[in-house]
PDB file of all heavy atoms in Angstrom:
ATOM      1  N   THR A   1      75.723-136.643   0.192  1.00  0.00           N
ATOM      2  CA  THR A   1      74.408-136.033   0.403  1.00  0.00           C
ATOM      3  C   THR A   1      73.984-135.165  -0.775  1.00  0.00           C
ATOM      4  O   THR A   1      72.825-134.767  -0.861  1.00  0.00           O
ATOM      5  CB  THR A   1      74.404-135.168   1.681  1.00  0.00           C
ATOM      6  OG1 THR A   1      75.380-134.129   1.545  1.00  0.00           O
ATOM      7  CG2 THR A   1      74.730-135.987   2.901  1.00  0.00           C
ATOM      8  N   LYS A   2      74.895-134.876  -1.697  1.00  0.00           N
ATOM      9  CA  LYS A   2      74.536-134.065  -2.861  1.00  0.00           C
ATOM     10  C   LYS A   2      73.547-134.773  -3.779  1.00  0.00           C
ATOM     11  O   LYS A   2      72.977-134.141  -4.655  1.00  0.00           O
ATOM     12  CB  LYS A   2      75.791-133.710  -3.664  1.00  0.00           C
ATOM     13  CG  LYS A   2      76.545-132.518  -3.125  1.00  0.00           C
ATOM     14  CD  LYS A   2      77.537-132.063  -4.152  1.00  0.00           C
ATOM     15  CE  LYS A   2      78.489-131.051  -3.557  1.00  0.00           C
ATOM     16  NZ  LYS A   2      79.567-130.741  -4.489  1.00  0.00           N
ATOM     17  N   LEU A   3      73.351-136.066  -3.585  1.00  0.00           N
ATOM     18  CA  LEU A   3      72.354-136.770  -4.386  1.00  0.00           C
ATOM     19  C   LEU A   3      71.003-136.053  -4.316  1.00  0.00           C
ATOM     20  O   LEU A   3      70.278-135.960  -5.311  1.00  0.00           O
ATOM     21  CB  LEU A   3      72.199-138.210  -3.884  1.00  0.00           C
ATOM     22  CG  LEU A   3      73.010-139.287  -4.608  1.00  0.00           C
ATOM     23  CD1 LEU A   3      72.856-140.611  -3.915  1.00  0.00           C
ATOM     24  CD2 LEU A   3      72.595-139.391  -6.059  1.00  0.00           C
ATOM     25  N   ILE A   4      70.697-135.549  -3.145  1.00  0.00           N
ATOM     26  CA  ILE A   4      69.409-134.871  -2.970  1.00  0.00           C
ATOM     27  C   ILE A   4      69.376-133.604  -3.813  1.00  0.00           C
ATOM     28  O   ILE A   4      68.401-133.321  -4.513  1.00  0.00           O
ATOM     29  CB  ILE A   4      69.184-134.567  -1.477  1.00  0.00           C
ATOM     30  CG1 ILE A   4      69.129-135.885  -0.686  1.00  0.00           C
ATOM     31  CG2 ILE A   4      67.910-133.764  -1.272  1.00  0.00           C
ATOM     32  CD1 ILE A   4      69.088-135.719   0.811  1.00  0.00           C
ATOM     33  N   GLU A   5      70.477-132.824  -3.778  1.00  0.00           N
ATOM     34  CA  GLU A   5      70.532-131.596  -4.566  1.00  0.00           C
ATOM     35  C   GLU A   5      70.550-131.891  -6.065  1.00  0.00           C
ATOM     36  O   GLU A   5      69.965-131.158  -6.867  1.00  0.00           O
ATOM     37  CB  GLU A   5      71.763-130.770  -4.193  1.00  0.00           C
ATOM     38  CG  GLU A   5      71.603-129.945  -2.930  1.00  0.00           C
ATOM     39  CD  GLU A   5      71.747-130.776  -1.673  1.00  0.00           C
ATOM     40  OE1 GLU A   5      72.219-131.927  -1.767  1.00  0.00           O
ATOM     41  OE2 GLU A   5      71.395-130.286  -0.583  1.00  0.00           O
ATOM     42  N   ILE A   6      71.218-132.977  -6.446  1.00  0.00           N
ATOM     43  CA  ILE A   6      71.283-133.350  -7.860  1.00  0.00           C
ATOM     44  C   ILE A   6      69.882-133.648  -8.390  1.00  0.00           C
ATOM     45  O   ILE A   6      69.513-133.231  -9.496  1.00  0.00           O
ATOM     46  CB  ILE A   6      72.219-134.559  -8.056  1.00  0.00           C
ATOM     47  CG1 ILE A   6      73.674-134.136  -7.843  1.00  0.00           C
ATOM     48  CG2 ILE A   6      72.046-135.174  -9.448  1.00  0.00           C
ATOM     49  CD1 ILE A   6      74.650-135.296  -7.757  1.00  0.00           C
ATOM     50  N   VAL A   7      69.095-134.362  -7.589  1.00  0.00           N
ATOM     51  CA  VAL A   7      67.712-134.657  -7.985  1.00  0.00           C
ATOM     52  C   VAL A   7      66.924-133.356  -8.131  1.00  0.00           C
ATOM     53  O   VAL A   7      66.163-133.171  -9.083  1.00  0.00           O
ATOM     54  CB  VAL A   7      67.048-135.591  -6.951  1.00  0.00           C
ATOM     55  CG1 VAL A   7      65.544-135.684  -7.200  1.00  0.00           C
ATOM     56  CG2 VAL A   7      67.674-136.981  -7.016  1.00  0.00           C
ATOM     57  N   GLU A   8      67.125-132.429  -7.201  1.00  0.00           N
ATOM     58  CA  GLU A   8      66.407-131.158  -7.264  1.00  0.00           C
ATOM     59  C   GLU A   8      66.796-130.356  -8.506  1.00  0.00           C
ATOM     60  O   GLU A   8      65.947-129.739  -9.149  1.00  0.00           O
ATOM     61  CB  GLU A   8      66.679-130.345  -5.998  1.00  0.00           C
ATOM     62  CG  GLU A   8      66.016-130.930  -4.753  1.00  0.00           C
ATOM     63  CD  GLU A   8      66.248-130.077  -3.525  1.00  0.00           C
ATOM     64  OE1 GLU A   8      67.035-129.113  -3.605  1.00  0.00           O
ATOM     65  OE2 GLU A   8      65.645-130.371  -2.482  1.00  0.00           O
ATOM     66  N   ILE A   9      68.088-130.356  -8.849  1.00  0.00           N
ATOM     67  CA  ILE A   9      68.538-129.632 -10.044  1.00  0.00           C
ATOM     68  C   ILE A   9      67.953-130.273 -11.301  1.00  0.00           C
ATOM     69  O   ILE A   9      67.535-129.587 -12.234  1.00  0.00           O
ATOM     70  CB  ILE A   9      70.082-129.600 -10.104  1.00  0.00           C
ATOM     71  CG1 ILE A   9      70.624-128.674  -9.008  1.00  0.00           C
ATOM     72  CG2 ILE A   9      70.568-129.114 -11.475  1.00  0.00           C
ATOM     73  CD1 ILE A   9      72.131-128.707  -8.859  1.00  0.00           C
ATOM     74  N   GLY A  10      67.917-131.613 -11.339  1.00  0.00           N
ATOM     75  CA  GLY A  10      67.316-132.301 -12.481  1.00  0.00           C
ATOM     76  C   GLY A  10      65.846-131.966 -12.626  1.00  0.00           C
ATOM     77  O   GLY A  10      65.355-131.712 -13.734  1.00  0.00           O
ATOM     78  N   LYS A  11      65.126-131.954 -11.502  1.00  0.00           N
ATOM     79  CA  LYS A  11      63.710-131.600 -11.549  1.00  0.00           C
ATOM     80  C   LYS A  11      63.538-130.141 -11.951  1.00  0.00           C
ATOM     81  O   LYS A  11      62.593-129.789 -12.666  1.00  0.00           O
ATOM     82  CB  LYS A  11      63.060-131.867 -10.183  1.00  0.00           C
ATOM     83  CG  LYS A  11      62.831-133.350  -9.900  1.00  0.00           C
ATOM     84  CD  LYS A  11      62.001-133.575  -8.678  1.00  0.00           C
ATOM     85  CE  LYS A  11      61.696-135.053  -8.492  1.00  0.00           C
ATOM     86  NZ  LYS A  11      60.860-135.609  -9.567  1.00  0.00           N
ATOM     87  N   GLN A  12      64.458-129.298 -11.495  1.00  0.00           N
ATOM     88  CA  GLN A  12      64.381-127.884 -11.858  1.00  0.00           C
ATOM     89  C   GLN A  12      64.553-127.701 -13.360  1.00  0.00           C
ATOM     90  O   GLN A  12      63.883-126.876 -13.975  1.00  0.00           O
ATOM     91  CB  GLN A  12      65.458-127.104 -11.096  1.00  0.00           C
ATOM     92  CG  GLN A  12      65.335-125.603 -11.241  1.00  0.00           C
ATOM     93  CD  GLN A  12      66.430-124.865 -10.508  1.00  0.00           C
ATOM     94  OE1 GLN A  12      67.586-125.275 -10.517  1.00  0.00           O
ATOM     95  NE2 GLN A  12      66.081-123.771  -9.862  1.00  0.00           N
ATOM     96  N   LEU A  13      65.453-128.501 -13.972  1.00  0.00           N
ATOM     97  CA  LEU A  13      65.642-128.437 -15.425  1.00  0.00           C
ATOM     98  C   LEU A  13      64.354-128.801 -16.153  1.00  0.00           C
ATOM     99  O   LEU A  13      63.916-128.098 -17.074  1.00  0.00           O
ATOM    100  CB  LEU A  13      66.773-129.380 -15.840  1.00  0.00           C
ATOM    101  CG  LEU A  13      66.928-129.640 -17.344  1.00  0.00           C
ATOM    102  CD1 LEU A  13      67.317-128.367 -18.064  1.00  0.00           C
ATOM    103  CD2 LEU A  13      67.944-130.736 -17.606  1.00  0.00           C
ATOM    104  N   LEU A  14      63.722-129.908 -15.754  1.00  0.00           N
ATOM    105  CA  LEU A  14      62.489-130.344 -16.406  1.00  0.00           C
ATOM    106  C   LEU A  14      61.360-129.335 -16.184  1.00  0.00           C
ATOM    107  O   LEU A  14      60.573-129.044 -17.091  1.00  0.00           O
ATOM    108  CB  LEU A  14      62.077-131.714 -15.869  1.00  0.00           C
ATOM    109  CG  LEU A  14      63.037-132.871 -16.179  1.00  0.00           C
ATOM    110  CD1 LEU A  14      62.566-134.143 -15.507  1.00  0.00           C
ATOM    111  CD2 LEU A  14      63.176-133.088 -17.672  1.00  0.00           C
ATOM    112  N   MET A  15      61.291-128.800 -14.952  1.00  0.00           N
ATOM    113  CA  MET A  15      60.252-127.812 -14.656  1.00  0.00           C
ATOM    114  C   MET A  15      60.439-126.545 -15.475  1.00  0.00           C
ATOM    115  O   MET A  15      59.466-125.957 -15.969  1.00  0.00           O
ATOM    116  CB  MET A  15      60.291-127.453 -13.168  1.00  0.00           C
ATOM    117  CG  MET A  15      59.630-128.462 -12.255  1.00  0.00           C
ATOM    118  SD  MET A  15      59.824-127.968 -10.531  1.00  0.00           S
ATOM    119  CE  MET A  15      59.237-126.287 -10.598  1.00  0.00           C
ATOM    120  N   THR A  16      61.694-126.097 -15.607  1.00  0.00           N
ATOM    121  CA  THR A  16      61.973-124.872 -16.358  1.00  0.00           C
ATOM    122  C   THR A  16      61.562-125.044 -17.814  1.00  0.00           C
ATOM    123  O   THR A  16      60.919-124.163 -18.405  1.00  0.00           O
ATOM    124  CB  THR A  16      63.468-124.518 -16.270  1.00  0.00           C
ATOM    125  OG1 THR A  16      63.838-124.378 -14.895  1.00  0.00           O
ATOM    126  CG2 THR A  16      63.772-123.226 -17.010  1.00  0.00           C
ATOM    127  N   ARG A  17      61.922-126.183 -18.388  1.00  0.00           N
ATOM    128  CA  ARG A  17      61.555-126.440 -19.777  1.00  0.00           C
ATOM    129  C   ARG A  17      60.036-126.497 -19.935  1.00  0.00           C
ATOM    130  O   ARG A  17      59.466-125.920 -20.865  1.00  0.00           O
ATOM    131  CB  ARG A  17      62.197-127.747 -20.246  1.00  0.00           C
ATOM    132  CG  ARG A  17      62.018-128.012 -21.741  1.00  0.00           C
ATOM    133  CD  ARG A  17      62.622-129.342 -22.106  1.00  0.00           C
ATOM    134  NE  ARG A  17      64.053-129.330 -21.905  1.00  0.00           N
ATOM    135  CZ  ARG A  17      64.787-130.418 -21.626  1.00  0.00           C
ATOM    136  NH1 ARG A  17      64.202-131.578 -21.521  1.00  0.00           N
ATOM    137  NH2 ARG A  17      66.080-130.328 -21.483  1.00  0.00           N
ATOM    138  N   GLY A  18      59.366-127.196 -19.014  1.00  0.00           N
ATOM    139  CA  GLY A  18      57.910-127.303 -19.090  1.00  0.00           C
ATOM    140  C   GLY A  18      57.217-125.970 -18.873  1.00  0.00           C
ATOM    141  O   GLY A  18      56.251-125.636 -19.573  1.00  0.00           O
ATOM    142  N   ALA A  19      57.722-125.191 -17.909  1.00  0.00           N
ATOM    143  CA  ALA A  19      57.101-123.900 -17.604  1.00  0.00           C
ATOM    144  C   ALA A  19      57.232-122.935 -18.779  1.00  0.00           C
ATOM    145  O   ALA A  19      56.264-122.250 -19.144  1.00  0.00           O
ATOM    146  CB  ALA A  19      57.741-123.310 -16.351  1.00  0.00           C
ATOM    147  N   LEU A  20      58.424-122.875 -19.368  1.00  0.00           N
ATOM    148  CA  LEU A  20      58.626-121.944 -20.476  1.00  0.00           C
ATOM    149  C   LEU A  20      57.915-122.416 -21.745  1.00  0.00           C
ATOM    150  O   LEU A  20      57.511-121.595 -22.570  1.00  0.00           O
ATOM    151  CB  LEU A  20      60.122-121.748 -20.729  1.00  0.00           C
ATOM    152  CG  LEU A  20      60.863-120.967 -19.632  1.00  0.00           C
ATOM    153  CD1 LEU A  20      62.322-120.769 -19.993  1.00  0.00           C
ATOM    154  CD2 LEU A  20      60.206-119.619 -19.375  1.00  0.00           C
ATOM    155  N   THR A  21      57.761-123.731 -21.911  1.00  0.00           N
ATOM    156  CA  THR A  21      56.978-124.237 -23.039  1.00  0.00           C
ATOM    157  C   THR A  21      55.511-123.819 -22.873  1.00  0.00           C
ATOM    158  O   THR A  21      54.867-123.369 -23.827  1.00  0.00           O
ATOM    159  CB  THR A  21      57.081-125.765 -23.140  1.00  0.00           C
ATOM    160  OG1 THR A  21      58.450-126.136 -23.316  1.00  0.00           O
ATOM    161  CG2 THR A  21      56.278-126.296 -24.311  1.00  0.00           C
ATOM    162  N   THR A  22      55.010-123.974 -21.641  1.00  0.00           N
ATOM    163  CA  THR A  22      53.635-123.549 -21.353  1.00  0.00           C
ATOM    164  C   THR A  22      53.455-122.058 -21.609  1.00  0.00           C
ATOM    165  O   THR A  22      52.489-121.623 -22.243  1.00  0.00           O
ATOM    166  CB  THR A  22      53.277-123.865 -19.883  1.00  0.00           C
ATOM    167  OG1 THR A  22      53.440-125.262 -19.644  1.00  0.00           O
ATOM    168  CG2 THR A  22      51.838-123.462 -19.568  1.00  0.00           C
ATOM    169  N   PHE A  23      54.415-121.265 -21.125  1.00  0.00           N
ATOM    170  CA  PHE A  23      54.346-119.813 -21.316  1.00  0.00           C
ATOM    171  C   PHE A  23      54.400-119.464 -22.798  1.00  0.00           C
ATOM    172  O   PHE A  23      53.651-118.606 -23.272  1.00  0.00           O
ATOM    173  CB  PHE A  23      55.508-119.145 -20.576  1.00  0.00           C
ATOM    174  CG  PHE A  23      55.487-117.639 -20.638  1.00  0.00           C
ATOM    175  CD1 PHE A  23      54.836-116.906 -19.668  1.00  0.00           C
ATOM    176  CD2 PHE A  23      56.110-116.962 -21.677  1.00  0.00           C
ATOM    177  CE1 PHE A  23      54.807-115.518 -19.727  1.00  0.00           C
ATOM    178  CE2 PHE A  23      56.084-115.580 -21.742  1.00  0.00           C
ATOM    179  CZ  PHE A  23      55.429-114.856 -20.766  1.00  0.00           C
ATOM    180  N   SER A  24      55.283-120.123 -23.546  1.00  0.00           N
ATOM    181  CA  SER A  24      55.455-119.819 -24.968  1.00  0.00           C
ATOM    182  C   SER A  24      54.167-120.069 -25.748  1.00  0.00           C
ATOM    183  O   SER A  24      53.729-119.236 -26.545  1.00  0.00           O
ATOM    184  CB  SER A  24      56.586-120.659 -25.551  1.00  0.00           C
ATOM    185  OG  SER A  24      56.724-120.443 -26.943  1.00  0.00           O
ATOM    186  N   ILE A  25      53.563-121.226 -25.511  1.00  0.00           N
ATOM    187  CA  ILE A  25      52.343-121.567 -26.251  1.00  0.00           C
ATOM    188  C   ILE A  25      51.187-120.659 -25.822  1.00  0.00           C
ATOM    189  O   ILE A  25      50.383-120.208 -26.646  1.00  0.00           O
ATOM    190  CB  ILE A  25      51.996-123.051 -26.046  1.00  0.00           C
ATOM    191  CG1 ILE A  25      53.092-123.932 -26.693  1.00  0.00           C
ATOM    192  CG2 ILE A  25      50.634-123.378 -26.629  1.00  0.00           C
ATOM    193  CD1 ILE A  25      52.951-125.404 -26.427  1.00  0.00           C
ATOM    194  N   ALA A  26      51.135-120.353 -24.500  1.00  0.00           N
ATOM    195  CA  ALA A  26      50.054-119.507 -24.002  1.00  0.00           C
ATOM    196  C   ALA A  26      50.170-118.084 -24.533  1.00  0.00           C
ATOM    197  O   ALA A  26      49.161-117.459 -24.888  1.00  0.00           O
ATOM    198  CB  ALA A  26      50.056-119.497 -22.470  1.00  0.00           C
ATOM    199  N   ASN A  27      51.409-117.553 -24.620  1.00  0.00           N
ATOM    200  CA  ASN A  27      51.497-116.154 -25.067  1.00  0.00           C
ATOM    201  C   ASN A  27      51.202-116.008 -26.556  1.00  0.00           C
ATOM    202  O   ASN A  27      50.926-114.907 -27.029  1.00  0.00           O
ATOM    203  CB  ASN A  27      52.836-115.509 -24.659  1.00  0.00           C
ATOM    204  CG  ASN A  27      54.009-115.884 -25.533  1.00  0.00           C
ATOM    205  OD1 ASN A  27      53.912-115.986 -26.752  1.00  0.00           O
ATOM    206  ND2 ASN A  27      55.160-116.068 -24.909  1.00  0.00           N
ATOM    207  N   ASP A  28      51.262-117.122 -27.301  1.00  0.00           N
ATOM    208  CA  ASP A  28      50.863-117.062 -28.709  1.00  0.00           C
ATOM    209  C   ASP A  28      49.378-116.710 -28.844  1.00  0.00           C
ATOM    210  O   ASP A  28      48.972-116.061 -29.812  1.00  0.00           O
ATOM    211  CB  ASP A  28      51.135-118.406 -29.401  1.00  0.00           C
ATOM    212  CG  ASP A  28      52.617-118.619 -29.664  1.00  0.00           C
ATOM    213  OD1 ASP A  28      53.363-117.619 -29.661  1.00  0.00           O
ATOM    214  OD2 ASP A  28      53.020-119.778 -29.849  1.00  0.00           O
ATOM    215  N   ILE A  29      48.581-117.144 -27.844  1.00  0.00           N
ATOM    216  CA  ILE A  29      47.140-116.876 -27.900  1.00  0.00           C
ATOM    217  C   ILE A  29      46.880-115.375 -27.940  1.00  0.00           C
ATOM    218  O   ILE A  29      46.071-114.875 -28.736  1.00  0.00           O
ATOM    219  CB  ILE A  29      46.436-117.520 -26.689  1.00  0.00           C
ATOM    220  CG1 ILE A  29      46.579-119.051 -26.755  1.00  0.00           C
ATOM    221  CG2 ILE A  29      44.965-117.116 -26.630  1.00  0.00           C
ATOM    222  CD1 ILE A  29      46.066-119.770 -25.526  1.00  0.00           C
ATOM    223  N   ALA A  30      47.583-114.633 -27.074  1.00  0.00           N
ATOM    224  CA  ALA A  30      47.404-113.181 -27.047  1.00  0.00           C
ATOM    225  C   ALA A  30      47.857-112.548 -28.354  1.00  0.00           C
ATOM    226  O   ALA A  30      47.234-111.592 -28.844  1.00  0.00           O
ATOM    227  CB  ALA A  30      48.179-112.593 -25.872  1.00  0.00           C
ATOM    228  N   LYS A  31      48.953-113.085 -28.914  1.00  0.00           N
ATOM    229  CA  LYS A  31      49.451-112.526 -30.178  1.00  0.00           C
ATOM    230  C   LYS A  31      48.456-112.769 -31.312  1.00  0.00           C
ATOM    231  O   LYS A  31      48.335-111.949 -32.226  1.00  0.00           O
ATOM    232  CB  LYS A  31      50.828-113.107 -30.501  1.00  0.00           C
ATOM    233  CG  LYS A  31      51.939-112.597 -29.577  1.00  0.00           C
ATOM    234  CD  LYS A  31      53.308-113.125 -29.942  1.00  0.00           C
ATOM    235  CE  LYS A  31      53.483-114.574 -29.572  1.00  0.00           C
ATOM    236  NZ  LYS A  31      54.849-115.075 -29.791  1.00  0.00           N
ATOM    237  N   TYR A  32      47.736-113.888 -31.253  1.00  0.00           N
ATOM    238  CA  TYR A  32      46.721-114.138 -32.278  1.00  0.00           C
ATOM    239  C   TYR A  32      45.642-113.051 -32.232  1.00  0.00           C
ATOM    240  O   TYR A  32      45.175-112.553 -33.263  1.00  0.00           O
ATOM    241  CB  TYR A  32      46.058-115.501 -32.071  1.00  0.00           C
ATOM    242  CG  TYR A  32      46.993-116.684 -32.083  1.00  0.00           C
ATOM    243  CD1 TYR A  32      46.607-117.896 -31.518  1.00  0.00           C
ATOM    244  CD2 TYR A  32      48.266-116.598 -32.654  1.00  0.00           C
ATOM    245  CE1 TYR A  32      47.453-118.988 -31.517  1.00  0.00           C
ATOM    246  CE2 TYR A  32      49.121-117.686 -32.655  1.00  0.00           C
ATOM    247  CZ  TYR A  32      48.715-118.879 -32.083  1.00  0.00           C
ATOM    248  OH  TYR A  32      49.565-119.960 -32.079  1.00  0.00           O
ATOM    249  N   PHE A  33      45.228-112.689 -30.998  1.00  0.00           N
ATOM    250  CA  PHE A  33      44.198-111.657 -30.844  1.00  0.00           C
ATOM    251  C   PHE A  33      44.696-110.300 -31.336  1.00  0.00           C
ATOM    252  O   PHE A  33      43.902-109.435 -31.696  1.00  0.00           O
ATOM    253  CB  PHE A  33      43.774-111.549 -29.372  1.00  0.00           C
ATOM    254  CG  PHE A  33      42.706-112.517 -28.989  1.00  0.00           C
ATOM    255  CD1 PHE A  33      43.032-113.734 -28.408  1.00  0.00           C
ATOM    256  CD2 PHE A  33      41.367-112.232 -29.205  1.00  0.00           C
ATOM    257  CE1 PHE A  33      42.042-114.646 -28.050  1.00  0.00           C
ATOM    258  CE2 PHE A  33      40.381-113.137 -28.858  1.00  0.00           C
ATOM    259  CZ  PHE A  33      40.713-114.351 -28.283  1.00  0.00           C
ATOM    260  N   ALA A  34      46.014-110.108 -31.335  1.00  0.00           N
ATOM    261  CA  ALA A  34      46.562-108.830 -31.783  1.00  0.00           C
ATOM    262  C   ALA A  34      46.663-108.767 -33.297  1.00  0.00           C
ATOM    263  O   ALA A  34      46.285-107.776 -33.922  1.00  0.00           O
ATOM    264  CB  ALA A  34      47.938-108.600 -31.157  1.00  0.00           C
ATOM    265  N   ILE A  35      47.166-109.833 -33.918  1.00  0.00           N
ATOM    266  CA  ILE A  35      47.553-109.738 -35.324  1.00  0.00           C
ATOM    267  C   ILE A  35      46.478-110.228 -36.291  1.00  0.00           C
ATOM    268  O   ILE A  35      46.318-109.670 -37.377  1.00  0.00           O
ATOM    269  CB  ILE A  35      48.887-110.477 -35.552  1.00  0.00           C
ATOM    270  CG1 ILE A  35      49.558-109.968 -36.827  1.00  0.00           C
ATOM    271  CG2 ILE A  35      48.718-111.971 -35.568  1.00  0.00           C
ATOM    272  CD1 ILE A  35      50.991-110.435 -36.979  1.00  0.00           C
ATOM    273  N   ILE A  36      45.726-111.262 -35.930  1.00  0.00           N
ATOM    274  CA  ILE A  36      44.745-111.818 -36.872  1.00  0.00           C
ATOM    275  C   ILE A  36      43.607-110.836 -37.173  1.00  0.00           C
ATOM    276  O   ILE A  36      43.270-110.609 -38.342  1.00  0.00           O
ATOM    277  CB  ILE A  36      44.216-113.179 -36.373  1.00  0.00           C
ATOM    278  CG1 ILE A  36      45.348-114.210 -36.416  1.00  0.00           C
ATOM    279  CG2 ILE A  36      43.029-113.653 -37.219  1.00  0.00           C
ATOM    280  CD1 ILE A  36      44.975-115.580 -35.900  1.00  0.00           C
ATOM    281  N   PRO A  37      42.992-110.206 -36.134  1.00  0.00           N
ATOM    282  CA  PRO A  37      41.948-109.209 -36.479  1.00  0.00           C
ATOM    283  C   PRO A  37      42.505-108.073 -37.327  1.00  0.00           C
ATOM    284  O   PRO A  37      41.824-107.575 -38.236  1.00  0.00           O
ATOM    285  CB  PRO A  37      41.497-108.704 -35.106  1.00  0.00           C
ATOM    286  CG  PRO A  37      41.840-109.792 -34.161  1.00  0.00           C
ATOM    287  CD  PRO A  37      43.110-110.391 -34.677  1.00  0.00           C
ATOM    288  N   ALA A  38      43.758-107.661 -37.048  1.00  0.00           N
ATOM    289  CA  ALA A  38      44.362-106.565 -37.808  1.00  0.00           C
ATOM    290  C   ALA A  38      44.546-106.934 -39.271  1.00  0.00           C
ATOM    291  O   ALA A  38      44.373-106.101 -40.176  1.00  0.00           O
ATOM    292  CB  ALA A  38      45.699-106.187 -37.181  1.00  0.00           C
ATOM    293  N   MET A  39      44.880-108.201 -39.536  1.00  0.00           N
ATOM    294  CA  MET A  39      45.125-108.640 -40.915  1.00  0.00           C
ATOM    295  C   MET A  39      43.849-108.674 -41.741  1.00  0.00           C
ATOM    296  O   MET A  39      43.819-108.263 -42.902  1.00  0.00           O
ATOM    297  CB  MET A  39      45.758-110.040 -40.913  1.00  0.00           C
ATOM    298  CG  MET A  39      47.242-110.054 -40.580  1.00  0.00           C
ATOM    299  SD  MET A  39      47.873-111.727 -40.699  1.00  0.00           S
ATOM    300  CE  MET A  39      47.532-112.109 -42.397  1.00  0.00           C
ATOM    301  N   PHE A  40      42.777-109.159 -41.128  1.00  0.00           N
ATOM    302  CA  PHE A  40      41.566-109.438 -41.912  1.00  0.00           C
ATOM    303  C   PHE A  40      40.457-108.396 -41.708  1.00  0.00           C
ATOM    304  O   PHE A  40      39.356-108.561 -42.218  1.00  0.00           O
ATOM    305  CB  PHE A  40      41.025-110.827 -41.549  1.00  0.00           C
ATOM    306  CG  PHE A  40      41.931-111.946 -41.963  1.00  0.00           C
ATOM    307  CD1 PHE A  40      42.778-112.543 -41.039  1.00  0.00           C
ATOM    308  CD2 PHE A  40      41.943-112.397 -43.270  1.00  0.00           C
ATOM    309  CE1 PHE A  40      43.609-113.574 -41.418  1.00  0.00           C
ATOM    310  CE2 PHE A  40      42.779-113.434 -43.653  1.00  0.00           C
ATOM    311  CZ  PHE A  40      43.625-114.023 -42.729  1.00  0.00           C
ATOM    312  N   LEU A  41      40.778-107.334 -40.942  1.00  0.00           N
ATOM    313  CA  LEU A  41      39.739-106.348 -40.633  1.00  0.00           C
ATOM    314  C   LEU A  41      39.193-105.686 -41.897  1.00  0.00           C
ATOM    315  O   LEU A  41      37.993-105.395 -41.998  1.00  0.00           O
ATOM    316  CB  LEU A  41      40.319-105.282 -39.685  1.00  0.00           C
ATOM    317  CG  LEU A  41      39.299-104.388 -38.973  1.00  0.00           C
ATOM    318  CD1 LEU A  41      38.338-105.235 -38.139  1.00  0.00           C
ATOM    319  CD2 LEU A  41      40.016-103.374 -38.076  1.00  0.00           C
TER     320      LEU A  41
END
């Protein structure tokens, strides 16, 4: 019956990678607003 849990763990791995990739790219947007105006002001 662990087949079911194995599938869930595999999906959790893919979800974790996708979620953190989304977070990483999204948080760069805020950093752009912080550093780019400061550089060229």
